[in-house]
Amino acid sequence: MVAYARDEIISVSDMARGFSNILTNIIDKTKEKVAISKNNKLEAVIVNIDEYEKLKEAYEFMEHIDIYNKVQNRKDSKTITLEEAMKIHGIDQNDL
């Protein structure tokens, strides 16, 4: 769970009124992030584009690691051909 400082949380109505200033704070890196709340529930976060791109790249990297690990785990598993599976389950190719 991400922690937010008190000055990093803003209501949607305050966001609408002060969008330009808030965006300037994000661009200038005066603030790392701003969380927007609606009805006392956090709904969105604004971050600098550089930070967003780093987060996106990190997420994609983690996905690649996950895929790599799954492939490695499957290398040691026993596999059978489609024809073997059809024979085991009594399926004739003409039935397909």
PDB file of N, CA and C in Angstrom:
ATOM      1  N   MET A   1       0.839  -1.170   0.000  1.00  0.00           N
ATOM      2  CA  MET A   1       0.000   0.000   0.000  1.00  0.00           C
ATOM      3  C   MET A   1       0.888   1.240   0.000  1.00  0.00           C
ATOM      4  N   VAL A   2       0.562   2.177  -0.838  1.00  0.00           N
ATOM      5  CA  VAL A   2       1.324   3.421  -0.949  1.00  0.00           C
ATOM      6  C   VAL A   2       0.837   4.397   0.112  1.00  0.00           C
ATOM      7  N   ALA A   3       1.767   5.072   0.760  1.00  0.00           N
ATOM      8  CA  ALA A   3       1.409   6.085   1.755  1.00  0.00           C
ATOM      9  C   ALA A   3       1.408   7.460   1.093  1.00  0.00           C
ATOM     10  N   TYR A   4       0.484   8.282   1.515  1.00  0.00           N
ATOM     11  CA  TYR A   4       0.368   9.644   0.994  1.00  0.00           C
ATOM     12  C   TYR A   4       0.488  10.633   2.142  1.00  0.00           C
ATOM     13  N   ALA A   5       1.262  11.688   1.922  1.00  0.00           N
ATOM     14  CA  ALA A   5       1.333  12.769   2.898  1.00  0.00           C
ATOM     15  C   ALA A   5       0.038  13.567   2.809  1.00  0.00           C
ATOM     16  N   ARG A   6      -0.263  14.261   3.862  1.00  0.00           N
ATOM     17  CA  ARG A   6      -1.511  15.037   3.912  1.00  0.00           C
ATOM     18  C   ARG A   6      -1.614  16.011   2.729  1.00  0.00           C
ATOM     19  N   ASP A   7      -0.512  16.652   2.358  1.00  0.00           N
ATOM     20  CA  ASP A   7      -0.559  17.630   1.262  1.00  0.00           C
ATOM     21  C   ASP A   7      -0.551  16.979  -0.124  1.00  0.00           C
ATOM     22  N   GLU A   8      -0.481  15.637  -0.180  1.00  0.00           N
ATOM     23  CA  GLU A   8      -0.531  14.929  -1.457  1.00  0.00           C
ATOM     24  C   GLU A   8      -1.937  14.446  -1.802  1.00  0.00           C
ATOM     25  N   ILE A   9      -2.888  14.646  -0.922  1.00  0.00           N
ATOM     26  CA  ILE A   9      -4.267  14.225  -1.171  1.00  0.00           C
ATOM     27  C   ILE A   9      -5.114  15.466  -1.385  1.00  0.00           C
ATOM     28  N   ILE A  10      -5.872  15.455  -2.469  1.00  0.00           N
ATOM     29  CA  ILE A  10      -6.698  16.613  -2.808  1.00  0.00           C
ATOM     30  C   ILE A  10      -8.063  16.127  -3.286  1.00  0.00           C
ATOM     31  N   SER A  11      -9.087  16.865  -2.942  1.00  0.00           N
ATOM     32  CA  SER A  11     -10.429  16.489  -3.392  1.00  0.00           C
ATOM     33  C   SER A  11     -10.585  16.806  -4.869  1.00  0.00           C
ATOM     34  N   VAL A  12     -11.515  16.145  -5.508  1.00  0.00           N
ATOM     35  CA  VAL A  12     -11.750  16.368  -6.926  1.00  0.00           C
ATOM     36  C   VAL A  12     -12.191  17.804  -7.190  1.00  0.00           C
ATOM     37  N   SER A  13     -12.950  18.396  -6.284  1.00  0.00           N
ATOM     38  CA  SER A  13     -13.381  19.787  -6.484  1.00  0.00           C
ATOM     39  C   SER A  13     -12.203  20.746  -6.355  1.00  0.00           C
ATOM     40  N   ASP A  14     -11.290  20.506  -5.383  1.00  0.00           N
ATOM     41  CA  ASP A  14     -10.090  21.335  -5.268  1.00  0.00           C
ATOM     42  C   ASP A  14      -9.171  21.136  -6.481  1.00  0.00           C
ATOM     43  N   MET A  15      -9.164  19.922  -6.981  1.00  0.00           N
ATOM     44  CA  MET A  15      -8.364  19.631  -8.180  1.00  0.00           C
ATOM     45  C   MET A  15      -8.876  20.449  -9.360  1.00  0.00           C
ATOM     46  N   ALA A  16     -10.169  20.491  -9.520  1.00  0.00           N
ATOM     47  CA  ALA A  16     -10.752  21.249 -10.630  1.00  0.00           C
ATOM     48  C   ALA A  16     -10.427  22.736 -10.516  1.00  0.00           C
ATOM     49  N   ARG A  17     -10.461  23.256  -9.308  1.00  0.00           N
ATOM     50  CA  ARG A  17     -10.188  24.680  -9.104  1.00  0.00           C
ATOM     51  C   ARG A  17      -8.714  25.029  -9.272  1.00  0.00           C
ATOM     52  N   GLY A  18      -7.836  24.119  -8.893  1.00  0.00           N
ATOM     53  CA  GLY A  18      -6.409  24.449  -8.885  1.00  0.00           C
ATOM     54  C   GLY A  18      -5.569  23.571  -9.779  1.00  0.00           C
ATOM     55  N   PHE A  19      -6.162  23.058 -10.847  1.00  0.00           N
ATOM     56  CA  PHE A  19      -5.461  22.091 -11.697  1.00  0.00           C
ATOM     57  C   PHE A  19      -4.116  22.621 -12.200  1.00  0.00           C
ATOM     58  N   SER A  20      -4.081  23.836 -12.686  1.00  0.00           N
ATOM     59  CA  SER A  20      -2.850  24.390 -13.251  1.00  0.00           C
ATOM     60  C   SER A  20      -1.718  24.403 -12.227  1.00  0.00           C
ATOM     61  N   ASN A  21      -1.999  24.838 -11.008  1.00  0.00           N
ATOM     62  CA  ASN A  21      -0.974  24.868  -9.961  1.00  0.00           C
ATOM     63  C   ASN A  21      -0.521  23.467  -9.575  1.00  0.00           C
ATOM     64  N   ILE A  22      -1.468  22.555  -9.490  1.00  0.00           N
ATOM     65  CA  ILE A  22      -1.140  21.173  -9.114  1.00  0.00           C
ATOM     66  C   ILE A  22      -0.274  20.533 -10.197  1.00  0.00           C
ATOM     67  N   LEU A  23      -0.649  20.753 -11.449  1.00  0.00           N
ATOM     68  CA  LEU A  23       0.133  20.207 -12.548  1.00  0.00           C
ATOM     69  C   LEU A  23       1.552  20.790 -12.552  1.00  0.00           C
ATOM     70  N   THR A  24       1.665  22.065 -12.290  1.00  0.00           N
ATOM     71  CA  THR A  24       2.983  22.709 -12.204  1.00  0.00           C
ATOM     72  C   THR A  24       3.826  22.078 -11.102  1.00  0.00           C
ATOM     73  N   ASN A  25       3.211  21.788  -9.941  1.00  0.00           N
ATOM     74  CA  ASN A  25       3.935  21.125  -8.843  1.00  0.00           C
ATOM     75  C   ASN A  25       4.453  19.757  -9.261  1.00  0.00           C
ATOM     76  N   ILE A  26       3.670  19.034 -10.044  1.00  0.00           N
ATOM     77  CA  ILE A  26       4.081  17.705 -10.508  1.00  0.00           C
ATOM     78  C   ILE A  26       5.200  17.838 -11.542  1.00  0.00           C
ATOM     79  N   ILE A  27       5.026  18.743 -12.492  1.00  0.00           N
ATOM     80  CA  ILE A  27       6.030  18.935 -13.540  1.00  0.00           C
ATOM     81  C   ILE A  27       7.358  19.398 -12.950  1.00  0.00           C
ATOM     82  N   ASP A  28       7.302  20.350 -12.022  1.00  0.00           N
ATOM     83  CA  ASP A  28       8.516  20.876 -11.385  1.00  0.00           C
ATOM     84  C   ASP A  28       9.076  19.937 -10.328  1.00  0.00           C
ATOM     85  N   LYS A  29       8.384  18.851 -10.065  1.00  0.00           N
ATOM     86  CA  LYS A  29       8.764  17.852  -9.057  1.00  0.00           C
ATOM     87  C   LYS A  29       8.780  18.433  -7.643  1.00  0.00           C
ATOM     88  N   THR A  30       7.972  19.482  -7.438  1.00  0.00           N
ATOM     89  CA  THR A  30       7.770  19.999  -6.089  1.00  0.00           C
ATOM     90  C   THR A  30       7.030  18.945  -5.270  1.00  0.00           C
ATOM     91  N   LYS A  31       6.117  18.229  -5.955  1.00  0.00           N
ATOM     92  CA  LYS A  31       5.414  17.097  -5.355  1.00  0.00           C
ATOM     93  C   LYS A  31       5.649  15.877  -6.234  1.00  0.00           C
ATOM     94  N   GLU A  32       5.884  14.747  -5.581  1.00  0.00           N
ATOM     95  CA  GLU A  32       6.128  13.503  -6.309  1.00  0.00           C
ATOM     96  C   GLU A  32       4.845  12.959  -6.917  1.00  0.00           C
ATOM     97  N   LYS A  33       3.762  13.106  -6.167  1.00  0.00           N
ATOM     98  CA  LYS A  33       2.473  12.564  -6.606  1.00  0.00           C
ATOM     99  C   LYS A  33       1.355  13.346  -5.941  1.00  0.00           C
ATOM    100  N   VAL A  34       0.190  13.302  -6.548  1.00  0.00           N
ATOM    101  CA  VAL A  34      -1.007  13.893  -5.958  1.00  0.00           C
ATOM    102  C   VAL A  34      -2.130  12.875  -6.103  1.00  0.00           C
ATOM    103  N   ALA A  35      -2.722  12.491  -4.996  1.00  0.00           N
ATOM    104  CA  ALA A  35      -3.845  11.564  -5.006  1.00  0.00           C
ATOM    105  C   ALA A  35      -5.140  12.369  -5.001  1.00  0.00           C
ATOM    106  N   ILE A  36      -6.064  11.977  -5.849  1.00  0.00           N
ATOM    107  CA  ILE A  36      -7.339  12.680  -5.962  1.00  0.00           C
ATOM    108  C   ILE A  36      -8.413  11.839  -5.291  1.00  0.00           C
ATOM    109  N   SER A  37      -9.138  12.497  -4.375  1.00  0.00           N
ATOM    110  CA  SER A  37     -10.200  11.786  -3.672  1.00  0.00           C
ATOM    111  C   SER A  37     -11.563  12.303  -4.106  1.00  0.00           C
ATOM    112  N   LYS A  38     -12.509  11.383  -4.100  1.00  0.00           N
ATOM    113  CA  LYS A  38     -13.906  11.713  -4.396  1.00  0.00           C
ATOM    114  C   LYS A  38     -14.749  10.967  -3.377  1.00  0.00           C
ATOM    115  N   ASN A  39     -15.586  11.710  -2.677  1.00  0.00           N
ATOM    116  CA  ASN A  39     -16.401  11.117  -1.609  1.00  0.00           C
ATOM    117  C   ASN A  39     -15.534  10.381  -0.588  1.00  0.00           C
ATOM    118  N   ASN A  40     -14.417  11.000  -0.225  1.00  0.00           N
ATOM    119  CA  ASN A  40     -13.473  10.468   0.764  1.00  0.00           C
ATOM    120  C   ASN A  40     -12.836   9.138   0.371  1.00  0.00           C
ATOM    121  N   LYS A  41     -12.793   8.864  -0.906  1.00  0.00           N
ATOM    122  CA  LYS A  41     -12.168   7.639  -1.402  1.00  0.00           C
ATOM    123  C   LYS A  41     -11.148   8.028  -2.476  1.00  0.00           C
ATOM    124  N   LEU A  42      -9.918   7.511  -2.344  1.00  0.00           N
ATOM    125  CA  LEU A  42      -8.896   7.807  -3.344  1.00  0.00           C
ATOM    126  C   LEU A  42      -9.279   7.154  -4.664  1.00  0.00           C
ATOM    127  N   GLU A  43      -9.281   7.958  -5.728  1.00  0.00           N
ATOM    128  CA  GLU A  43      -9.735   7.474  -7.030  1.00  0.00           C
ATOM    129  C   GLU A  43      -8.645   7.481  -8.100  1.00  0.00           C
ATOM    130  N   ALA A  44      -7.664   8.393  -7.996  1.00  0.00           N
ATOM    131  CA  ALA A  44      -6.637   8.501  -9.028  1.00  0.00           C
ATOM    132  C   ALA A  44      -5.386   9.135  -8.437  1.00  0.00           C
ATOM    133  N   VAL A  45      -4.282   8.980  -9.160  1.00  0.00           N
ATOM    134  CA  VAL A  45      -3.021   9.586  -8.757  1.00  0.00           C
ATOM    135  C   VAL A  45      -2.402  10.239  -9.981  1.00  0.00           C
ATOM    136  N   ILE A  46      -1.886  11.432  -9.802  1.00  0.00           N
ATOM    137  CA  ILE A  46      -1.156  12.116 -10.863  1.00  0.00           C
ATOM    138  C   ILE A  46       0.316  12.083 -10.502  1.00  0.00           C
ATOM    139  N   VAL A  47       1.130  11.632 -11.473  1.00  0.00           N
ATOM    140  CA  VAL A  47       2.579  11.610 -11.295  1.00  0.00           C
ATOM    141  C   VAL A  47       3.224  12.228 -12.525  1.00  0.00           C
ATOM    142  N   ASN A  48       4.470  12.610 -12.387  1.00  0.00           N
ATOM    143  CA  ASN A  48       5.250  13.147 -13.483  1.00  0.00           C
ATOM    144  C   ASN A  48       5.381  12.086 -14.574  1.00  0.00           C
ATOM    145  N   ILE A  49       5.425  12.496 -15.824  1.00  0.00           N
ATOM    146  CA  ILE A  49       5.495  11.556 -16.942  1.00  0.00           C
ATOM    147  C   ILE A  49       6.725  10.657 -16.850  1.00  0.00           C
ATOM    148  N   ASP A  50       7.847  11.195 -16.400  1.00  0.00           N
ATOM    149  CA  ASP A  50       9.053  10.368 -16.259  1.00  0.00           C
ATOM    150  C   ASP A  50       8.836   9.252 -15.244  1.00  0.00           C
ATOM    151  N   GLU A  51       8.194   9.592 -14.128  1.00  0.00           N
ATOM    152  CA  GLU A  51       7.911   8.594 -13.094  1.00  0.00           C
ATOM    153  C   GLU A  51       6.936   7.538 -13.617  1.00  0.00           C
ATOM    154  N   TYR A  52       5.913   7.982 -14.337  1.00  0.00           N
ATOM    155  CA  TYR A  52       4.942   7.036 -14.909  1.00  0.00           C
ATOM    156  C   TYR A  52       5.646   6.058 -15.850  1.00  0.00           C
ATOM    157  N   GLU A  53       6.516   6.572 -16.709  1.00  0.00           N
ATOM    158  CA  GLU A  53       7.212   5.701 -17.655  1.00  0.00           C
ATOM    159  C   GLU A  53       8.125   4.712 -16.939  1.00  0.00           C
ATOM    160  N   LYS A  54       8.773   5.139 -15.862  1.00  0.00           N
ATOM    161  CA  LYS A  54       9.601   4.218 -15.065  1.00  0.00           C
ATOM    162  C   LYS A  54       8.732   3.119 -14.446  1.00  0.00           C
ATOM    163  N   LEU A  55       7.583   3.506 -13.913  1.00  0.00           N
ATOM    164  CA  LEU A  55       6.673   2.528 -13.313  1.00  0.00           C
ATOM    165  C   LEU A  55       6.172   1.528 -14.354  1.00  0.00           C
ATOM    166  N   LYS A  56       5.831   2.035 -15.524  1.00  0.00           N
ATOM    167  CA  LYS A  56       5.334   1.174 -16.600  1.00  0.00           C
ATOM    168  C   LYS A  56       6.417   0.203 -17.058  1.00  0.00           C
ATOM    169  N   GLU A  57       7.643   0.690 -17.217  1.00  0.00           N
ATOM    170  CA  GLU A  57       8.750  -0.176 -17.609  1.00  0.00           C
ATOM    171  C   GLU A  57       9.029  -1.240 -16.544  1.00  0.00           C
ATOM    172  N   ALA A  58       8.968  -0.850 -15.290  1.00  0.00           N
ATOM    173  CA  ALA A  58       9.192  -1.812 -14.200  1.00  0.00           C
ATOM    174  C   ALA A  58       8.111  -2.886 -14.205  1.00  0.00           C
ATOM    175  N   TYR A  59       6.872  -2.478 -14.438  1.00  0.00           N
ATOM    176  CA  TYR A  59       5.766  -3.436 -14.488  1.00  0.00           C
ATOM    177  C   TYR A  59       5.963  -4.414 -15.649  1.00  0.00           C
ATOM    178  N   GLU A  60       6.332  -3.890 -16.814  1.00  0.00           N
ATOM    179  CA  GLU A  60       6.554  -4.753 -17.971  1.00  0.00           C
ATOM    180  C   GLU A  60       7.727  -5.698 -17.732  1.00  0.00           C
ATOM    181  N   PHE A  61       8.772  -5.212 -17.064  1.00  0.00           N
ATOM    182  CA  PHE A  61       9.915  -6.053 -16.732  1.00  0.00           C
ATOM    183  C   PHE A  61       9.488  -7.195 -15.815  1.00  0.00           C
ATOM    184  N   MET A  62       8.667  -6.885 -14.828  1.00  0.00           N
ATOM    185  CA  MET A  62       8.173  -7.918 -13.911  1.00  0.00           C
ATOM    186  C   MET A  62       7.323  -8.949 -14.656  1.00  0.00           C
ATOM    187  N   GLU A  63       6.531  -8.497 -15.623  1.00  0.00           N
ATOM    188  CA  GLU A  63       5.747  -9.430 -16.435  1.00  0.00           C
ATOM    189  C   GLU A  63       6.672 -10.367 -17.215  1.00  0.00           C
ATOM    190  N   HIS A  64       7.759  -9.822 -17.770  1.00  0.00           N
ATOM    191  CA  HIS A  64       8.698 -10.652 -18.510  1.00  0.00           C
ATOM    192  C   HIS A  64       9.373 -11.680 -17.594  1.00  0.00           C
ATOM    193  N   ILE A  65       9.703 -11.278 -16.399  1.00  0.00           N
ATOM    194  CA  ILE A  65      10.289 -12.214 -15.434  1.00  0.00           C
ATOM    195  C   ILE A  65       9.291 -13.331 -15.115  1.00  0.00           C
ATOM    196  N   ASP A  66       8.038 -12.960 -14.937  1.00  0.00           N
ATOM    197  CA  ASP A  66       6.994 -13.948 -14.647  1.00  0.00           C
ATOM    198  C   ASP A  66       6.856 -14.944 -15.803  1.00  0.00           C
ATOM    199  N   ILE A  67       6.844 -14.448 -17.028  1.00  0.00           N
ATOM    200  CA  ILE A  67       6.734 -15.323 -18.197  1.00  0.00           C
ATOM    201  C   ILE A  67       7.955 -16.235 -18.281  1.00  0.00           C
ATOM    202  N   TYR A  68       9.142 -15.663 -18.072  1.00  0.00           N
ATOM    203  CA  TYR A  68      10.368 -16.455 -18.102  1.00  0.00           C
ATOM    204  C   TYR A  68      10.308 -17.588 -17.071  1.00  0.00           C
ATOM    205  N   ASN A  69       9.885 -17.268 -15.848  1.00  0.00           N
ATOM    206  CA  ASN A  69       9.787 -18.287 -14.799  1.00  0.00           C
ATOM    207  C   ASN A  69       8.788 -19.378 -15.161  1.00  0.00           C
ATOM    208  N   LYS A  70       7.676 -19.008 -15.759  1.00  0.00           N
ATOM    209  CA  LYS A  70       6.685 -20.011 -16.177  1.00  0.00           C
ATOM    210  C   LYS A  70       7.256 -20.922 -17.248  1.00  0.00           C
ATOM    211  N   VAL A  71       7.978 -20.355 -18.211  1.00  0.00           N
ATOM    212  CA  VAL A  71       8.600 -21.167 -19.261  1.00  0.00           C
ATOM    213  C   VAL A  71       9.617 -22.121 -18.648  1.00  0.00           C
ATOM    214  N   GLN A  72      10.435 -21.626 -17.727  1.00  0.00           N
ATOM    215  CA  GLN A  72      11.435 -22.472 -17.082  1.00  0.00           C
ATOM    216  C   GLN A  72      10.789 -23.615 -16.308  1.00  0.00           C
ATOM    217  N   ASN A  73       9.697 -23.329 -15.612  1.00  0.00           N
ATOM    218  CA  ASN A  73       8.997 -24.363 -14.850  1.00  0.00           C
ATOM    219  C   ASN A  73       8.381 -25.410 -15.773  1.00  0.00           C
ATOM    220  N   ARG A  74       7.934 -24.990 -16.929  1.00  0.00           N
ATOM    221  CA  ARG A  74       7.304 -25.929 -17.865  1.00  0.00           C
ATOM    222  C   ARG A  74       8.330 -26.803 -18.579  1.00  0.00           C
ATOM    223  N   LYS A  75       9.572 -26.378 -18.638  1.00  0.00           N
ATOM    224  CA  LYS A  75      10.604 -27.175 -19.302  1.00  0.00           C
ATOM    225  C   LYS A  75      10.760 -28.536 -18.634  1.00  0.00           C
ATOM    226  N   ASP A  76      10.576 -28.584 -17.338  1.00  0.00           N
ATOM    227  CA  ASP A  76      10.750 -29.828 -16.588  1.00  0.00           C
ATOM    228  C   ASP A  76       9.471 -30.655 -16.507  1.00  0.00           C
ATOM    229  N   SER A  77       8.373 -30.119 -16.998  1.00  0.00           N
ATOM    230  CA  SER A  77       7.115 -30.866 -16.902  1.00  0.00           C
ATOM    231  C   SER A  77       6.974 -31.823 -18.080  1.00  0.00           C
ATOM    232  N   LYS A  78       6.207 -32.881 -17.858  1.00  0.00           N
ATOM    233  CA  LYS A  78       5.979 -33.888 -18.893  1.00  0.00           C
ATOM    234  C   LYS A  78       4.925 -33.359 -19.851  1.00  0.00           C
ATOM    235  N   THR A  79       5.220 -33.450 -21.124  1.00  0.00           N
ATOM    236  CA  THR A  79       4.265 -33.019 -22.137  1.00  0.00           C
ATOM    237  C   THR A  79       3.916 -34.187 -23.028  1.00  0.00           C
ATOM    238  N   ILE A  80       2.750 -34.087 -23.653  1.00  0.00           N
ATOM    239  CA  ILE A  80       2.330 -35.099 -24.616  1.00  0.00           C
ATOM    240  C   ILE A  80       1.862 -34.382 -25.877  1.00  0.00           C
ATOM    241  N   THR A  81       1.860 -35.103 -26.954  1.00  0.00           N
ATOM    242  CA  THR A  81       1.421 -34.527 -28.223  1.00  0.00           C
ATOM    243  C   THR A  81      -0.104 -34.473 -28.261  1.00  0.00           C
ATOM    244  N   LEU A  82      -0.619 -33.720 -29.211  1.00  0.00           N
ATOM    245  CA  LEU A  82      -2.073 -33.646 -29.403  1.00  0.00           C
ATOM    246  C   LEU A  82      -2.628 -35.023 -29.733  1.00  0.00           C
ATOM    247  N   GLU A  83      -1.940 -35.748 -30.550  1.00  0.00           N
ATOM    248  CA  GLU A  83      -2.391 -37.084 -30.941  1.00  0.00           C
ATOM    249  C   GLU A  83      -2.476 -38.011 -29.721  1.00  0.00           C
ATOM    250  N   GLU A  84      -1.465 -37.915 -28.810  1.00  0.00           N
ATOM    251  CA  GLU A  84      -1.490 -38.726 -27.594  1.00  0.00           C
ATOM    252  C   GLU A  84      -2.675 -38.344 -26.708  1.00  0.00           C
ATOM    253  N   ALA A  85      -2.936 -37.067 -26.582  1.00  0.00           N
ATOM    254  CA  ALA A  85      -4.057 -36.602 -25.760  1.00  0.00           C
ATOM    255  C   ALA A  85      -5.383 -37.074 -26.342  1.00  0.00           C
ATOM    256  N   MET A  86      -5.505 -37.001 -27.648  1.00  0.00           N
ATOM    257  CA  MET A  86      -6.746 -37.464 -28.294  1.00  0.00           C
ATOM    258  C   MET A  86      -6.945 -38.957 -28.067  1.00  0.00           C
ATOM    259  N   LYS A  87      -5.868 -39.725 -28.158  1.00  0.00           N
ATOM    260  CA  LYS A  87      -5.952 -41.179 -27.947  1.00  0.00           C
ATOM    261  C   LYS A  87      -6.370 -41.493 -26.512  1.00  0.00           C
ATOM    262  N   ILE A  88      -5.777 -40.788 -25.539  1.00  0.00           N
ATOM    263  CA  ILE A  88      -6.106 -40.989 -24.125  1.00  0.00           C
ATOM    264  C   ILE A  88      -7.575 -40.740 -23.872  1.00  0.00           C
ATOM    265  N   HIS A  89      -8.134 -39.718 -24.504  1.00  0.00           N
ATOM    266  CA  HIS A  89      -9.523 -39.335 -24.264  1.00  0.00           C
ATOM    267  C   HIS A  89     -10.492 -39.916 -25.271  1.00  0.00           C
ATOM    268  N   GLY A  90     -10.005 -40.827 -26.117  1.00  0.00           N
ATOM    269  CA  GLY A  90     -10.871 -41.515 -27.057  1.00  0.00           C
ATOM    270  C   GLY A  90     -11.478 -40.606 -28.119  1.00  0.00           C
ATOM    271  N   ILE A  91     -10.723 -39.615 -28.557  1.00  0.00           N
ATOM    272  CA  ILE A  91     -11.214 -38.696 -29.568  1.00  0.00           C
ATOM    273  C   ILE A  91     -10.565 -39.043 -30.899  1.00  0.00           C
ATOM    274  N   ASP A  92     -11.402 -39.166 -31.913  1.00  0.00           N
ATOM    275  CA  ASP A  92     -10.909 -39.422 -33.256  1.00  0.00           C
ATOM    276  C   ASP A  92     -10.767 -38.095 -33.981  1.00  0.00           C
ATOM    277  N   GLN A  93      -9.720 -37.966 -34.776  1.00  0.00           N
ATOM    278  CA  GLN A  93      -9.479 -36.713 -35.473  1.00  0.00           C
ATOM    279  C   GLN A  93     -10.634 -36.361 -36.415  1.00  0.00           C
ATOM    280  N   ASN A  94     -11.319 -37.344 -36.926  1.00  0.00           N
ATOM    281  CA  ASN A  94     -12.464 -37.097 -37.814  1.00  0.00           C
ATOM    282  C   ASN A  94     -13.645 -36.496 -37.062  1.00  0.00           C
ATOM    283  N   ASP A  95     -13.679 -36.672 -35.726  1.00  0.00           N
ATOM    284  CA  ASP A  95     -14.758 -36.113 -34.921  1.00  0.00           C
ATOM    285  C   ASP A  95     -14.607 -34.597 -34.755  1.00  0.00           C
ATOM    286  N   LEU A  96     -13.391 -34.111 -34.989  1.00  0.00           N
ATOM    287  CA  LEU A  96     -13.155 -32.676 -34.824  1.00  0.00           C
ATOM    288  C   LEU A  96     -13.659 -31.998 -36.040  1.00  0.00           C
TER     289      LEU A  96
END
